[in-house]
Amino acid sequence: MSAAEEPAVRTRALLDGARYLNLATVSESGEPWVATLQYAWLGGPLRLVFGSSDGSRHGRDISATPRVSGSLFVAGKGDGLDVGAVDGAQFTGVCTELDGDALDQYHAFFYEALFPDERERARWMLPQTSLRAPADHRLYLVEVERWWLVDTRTWEHDRIDRRREVDLDELTRA
């Protein structure tokens, strides 16, 4: 396995390269929903942070049922299908609204990751008071429990789209 194929290397490239994740939630009554969200990530253990409204459908779902799943992907540019230029991952985890000390811990990190340019960050960064009840906005944290990478090694031969689960401890050690 080349260094580029190693799960930790691929995971880092994916998390850095994909700007959005698709987050699947389920309501208290069992209705599924998927939202596309901009995110920031942290390793050791793998966590994803995103902002949204607590009144959004996925925000209400998370409040009722914190188990989530999701995916993210990057695709190569150009014409045709270049299987080697496409990569993706799927995950499951638990999502919680950040408040108190947890909001203090992740607030600056989230905005610095999304807006590395200080002027852009100043333009878009919400103060912590705008991320606490009774305000409408929140930051959420997904603690990833399982992680799968797209496995395209045999796709050209059998056209079966497979996933390969990655040991999260392997990602933490890398």
Protein backbone atom coordinates (compact mmCIF):
# COMPACT_ATOMS: atom_id res chain seq x y z
CA MET A 1 0.00 0.00 0.00
CA SER A 2 1.47 3.34 -1.03
CA ALA A 3 1.53 6.23 1.45
CA ALA A 4 -1.30 7.93 -0.50
CA GLU A 5 -3.46 4.81 -0.04
CA GLU A 6 -2.95 4.59 3.72
CA PRO A 7 -6.25 5.24 5.51
CA ALA A 8 -4.87 8.00 7.76
CA VAL A 9 -3.32 9.87 4.81
CA ARG A 10 -6.50 9.54 2.74
CA THR A 11 -8.69 10.55 5.66
CA ARG A 12 -6.67 13.70 6.31
CA ALA A 13 -6.70 14.64 2.60
CA LEU A 14 -10.44 14.07 2.45
CA LEU A 15 -11.21 16.05 5.59
CA ASP A 16 -9.00 18.90 4.33
CA GLY A 17 -10.30 18.75 0.74
CA ALA A 18 -14.03 18.34 1.14
CA ARG A 19 -15.60 21.64 2.09
CA TYR A 20 -18.99 20.22 3.01
CA LEU A 21 -20.39 17.10 4.60
CA ASN A 22 -23.80 15.53 4.20
CA LEU A 23 -25.32 14.85 7.62
CA ALA A 24 -28.18 12.37 7.95
CA THR A 25 -30.52 12.65 10.91
CA VAL A 26 -33.82 11.09 11.90
CA SER A 27 -36.73 12.73 13.65
CA GLU A 28 -38.39 11.46 16.79
CA SER A 29 -41.15 10.02 14.58
CA GLY A 30 -38.62 8.26 12.31
CA GLU A 31 -38.53 10.67 9.35
CA PRO A 32 -35.06 10.79 7.71
CA TRP A 33 -33.34 14.01 6.64
CA VAL A 34 -30.02 14.99 5.06
CA ALA A 35 -28.41 18.42 5.35
CA THR A 36 -25.30 19.68 3.57
CA LEU A 37 -23.11 21.59 6.01
CA GLN A 38 -19.75 23.36 6.09
CA TYR A 39 -17.54 21.88 8.80
CA ALA A 40 -14.23 21.95 10.62
CA TRP A 41 -12.54 18.82 11.91
CA LEU A 42 -10.25 17.70 14.70
CA GLY A 43 -8.36 14.44 15.10
CA GLY A 44 -7.49 12.26 18.06
CA PRO A 45 -10.38 11.38 18.41
CA LEU A 46 -12.05 12.32 15.13
CA ARG A 47 -14.63 15.08 15.61
CA LEU A 48 -16.56 17.30 13.21
CA VAL A 49 -17.89 20.74 14.16
CA PHE A 50 -20.57 22.62 12.22
CA GLY A 51 -22.89 25.56 12.75
CA SER A 52 -26.61 25.69 12.15
CA SER A 53 -29.89 26.90 13.53
CA ASP A 54 -31.39 24.99 16.43
CA GLY A 55 -34.72 25.42 14.64
CA SER A 56 -33.51 23.72 11.44
CA ARG A 57 -34.91 20.31 10.72
CA HIS A 58 -31.58 18.61 11.46
CA GLY A 59 -31.16 20.74 14.60
CA ARG A 60 -34.52 19.57 15.90
CA ASP A 61 -33.69 15.97 14.91
CA ILE A 62 -30.35 16.08 16.77
CA SER A 63 -32.10 17.41 19.86
CA ALA A 64 -34.49 14.43 19.79
CA THR A 65 -32.17 11.72 18.43
CA PRO A 66 -28.42 12.47 18.60
CA ARG A 67 -27.29 9.45 16.49
CA VAL A 68 -26.21 10.64 13.03
CA SER A 69 -24.49 9.38 9.92
CA GLY A 70 -22.92 11.23 7.07
CA SER A 71 -20.63 11.35 4.10
CA LEU A 72 -18.15 13.61 2.39
CA PHE A 73 -16.34 13.35 -0.90
CA VAL A 74 -13.94 15.03 -3.27
CA ALA A 75 -14.04 14.65 -7.02
CA GLY A 76 -11.36 15.29 -9.61
CA LYS A 77 -11.79 17.96 -12.24
CA GLY A 78 -12.08 17.38 -15.92
CA ASP A 79 -14.09 15.26 -18.29
CA GLY A 80 -14.81 11.57 -17.97
CA LEU A 81 -14.60 9.26 -14.99
CA ASP A 82 -11.26 9.17 -13.23
CA VAL A 83 -11.79 6.71 -10.38
CA GLY A 84 -8.39 7.63 -8.96
CA ALA A 85 -9.42 11.29 -8.60
CA VAL A 86 -12.53 10.53 -6.56
CA ASP A 87 -12.44 9.78 -2.86
CA GLY A 88 -14.99 9.72 -0.12
CA ALA A 89 -15.91 8.58 3.35
CA GLN A 90 -18.97 7.71 5.36
CA PHE A 91 -19.32 7.89 9.12
CA THR A 92 -21.61 7.33 12.06
CA GLY A 93 -21.50 9.09 15.39
CA VAL A 94 -23.22 11.06 18.08
CA CYS A 95 -24.01 14.74 17.60
CA THR A 96 -24.55 17.25 20.38
CA GLU A 97 -25.20 20.94 20.62
CA LEU A 98 -22.22 22.77 22.10
CA ASP A 99 -22.84 24.96 25.12
CA GLY A 100 -21.03 26.07 28.27
CA ASP A 101 -17.35 25.12 28.42
CA ALA A 102 -17.65 23.04 25.24
CA LEU A 103 -18.72 26.12 23.26
CA ASP A 104 -15.80 28.03 24.76
CA GLN A 105 -13.47 25.22 23.66
CA TYR A 106 -14.63 24.96 20.01
CA HIS A 107 -15.83 28.47 19.11
CA ALA A 108 -12.55 30.05 17.99
CA PHE A 109 -11.30 26.81 16.42
CA PHE A 110 -14.42 26.48 14.24
CA TYR A 111 -14.26 30.00 12.83
CA GLU A 112 -10.47 29.95 12.36
CA ALA A 113 -10.75 26.67 10.41
CA LEU A 114 -13.56 27.95 8.18
CA PHE A 115 -12.16 31.44 7.70
CA PRO A 116 -8.35 31.41 7.92
CA ASP A 117 -8.27 34.99 6.62
CA GLU A 118 -8.69 37.28 9.62
CA ARG A 119 -10.83 39.84 7.76
CA GLU A 120 -13.20 37.19 6.42
CA ARG A 121 -13.42 35.62 9.87
CA ALA A 122 -14.28 38.99 11.43
CA ARG A 123 -17.02 39.41 8.83
CA TRP A 124 -18.68 36.01 9.45
CA MET A 125 -17.83 35.02 13.02
CA LEU A 126 -20.78 35.01 15.39
CA PRO A 127 -20.06 35.94 19.00
CA GLN A 128 -20.64 33.18 21.54
CA THR A 129 -23.71 35.02 22.83
CA SER A 130 -25.30 34.45 19.40
CA LEU A 131 -24.67 30.71 19.76
CA ARG A 132 -26.39 30.22 23.13
CA ALA A 133 -30.09 29.95 23.97
CA PRO A 134 -32.30 31.86 23.39
CA ALA A 135 -30.42 32.85 20.20
CA ASP A 136 -31.20 30.86 17.02
CA HIS A 137 -27.69 29.76 16.04
CA ARG A 138 -25.69 26.88 17.51
CA LEU A 139 -22.44 25.00 17.05
CA TYR A 140 -22.71 21.21 16.98
CA LEU A 141 -20.11 18.51 17.55
CA VAL A 142 -20.15 15.07 15.91
CA GLU A 143 -18.06 12.53 17.78
CA VAL A 144 -17.27 10.02 15.04
CA GLU A 145 -17.72 6.40 16.15
CA ARG A 146 -17.16 4.58 12.86
CA TRP A 147 -15.43 5.67 9.62
CA TRP A 148 -15.43 4.05 6.17
CA LEU A 149 -13.40 5.02 3.11
CA VAL A 150 -14.47 4.41 -0.47
CA ASP A 151 -12.66 1.31 -1.73
CA THR A 152 -12.26 1.55 -5.50
CA ARG A 153 -9.52 -1.08 -5.87
CA THR A 154 -11.76 -3.50 -7.80
CA TRP A 155 -14.34 -1.10 -9.25
CA GLU A 156 -12.87 -1.13 -12.77
CA HIS A 157 -13.34 -4.91 -12.90
CA ASP A 158 -16.71 -5.52 -11.27
CA ARG A 159 -18.31 -2.03 -10.92
CA ILE A 160 -19.16 -2.66 -7.27
CA ASP A 161 -18.87 0.42 -5.08
CA ARG A 162 -17.36 -0.83 -1.81
CA ARG A 163 -16.45 0.72 1.53
CA ARG A 164 -13.60 -0.24 3.82
CA GLU A 165 -13.97 0.45 7.53
CA VAL A 166 -11.02 2.19 9.12
CA ASP A 167 -10.02 1.59 12.73
CA LEU A 168 -10.38 4.96 14.43
CA ASP A 169 -7.40 4.16 16.66
CA GLU A 170 -5.32 3.92 13.47
CA LEU A 171 -6.41 7.45 12.56
CA THR A 172 -5.59 8.72 16.06
CA ARG A 173 -2.08 7.24 15.99
CA ALA A 174 -1.25 8.78 12.60
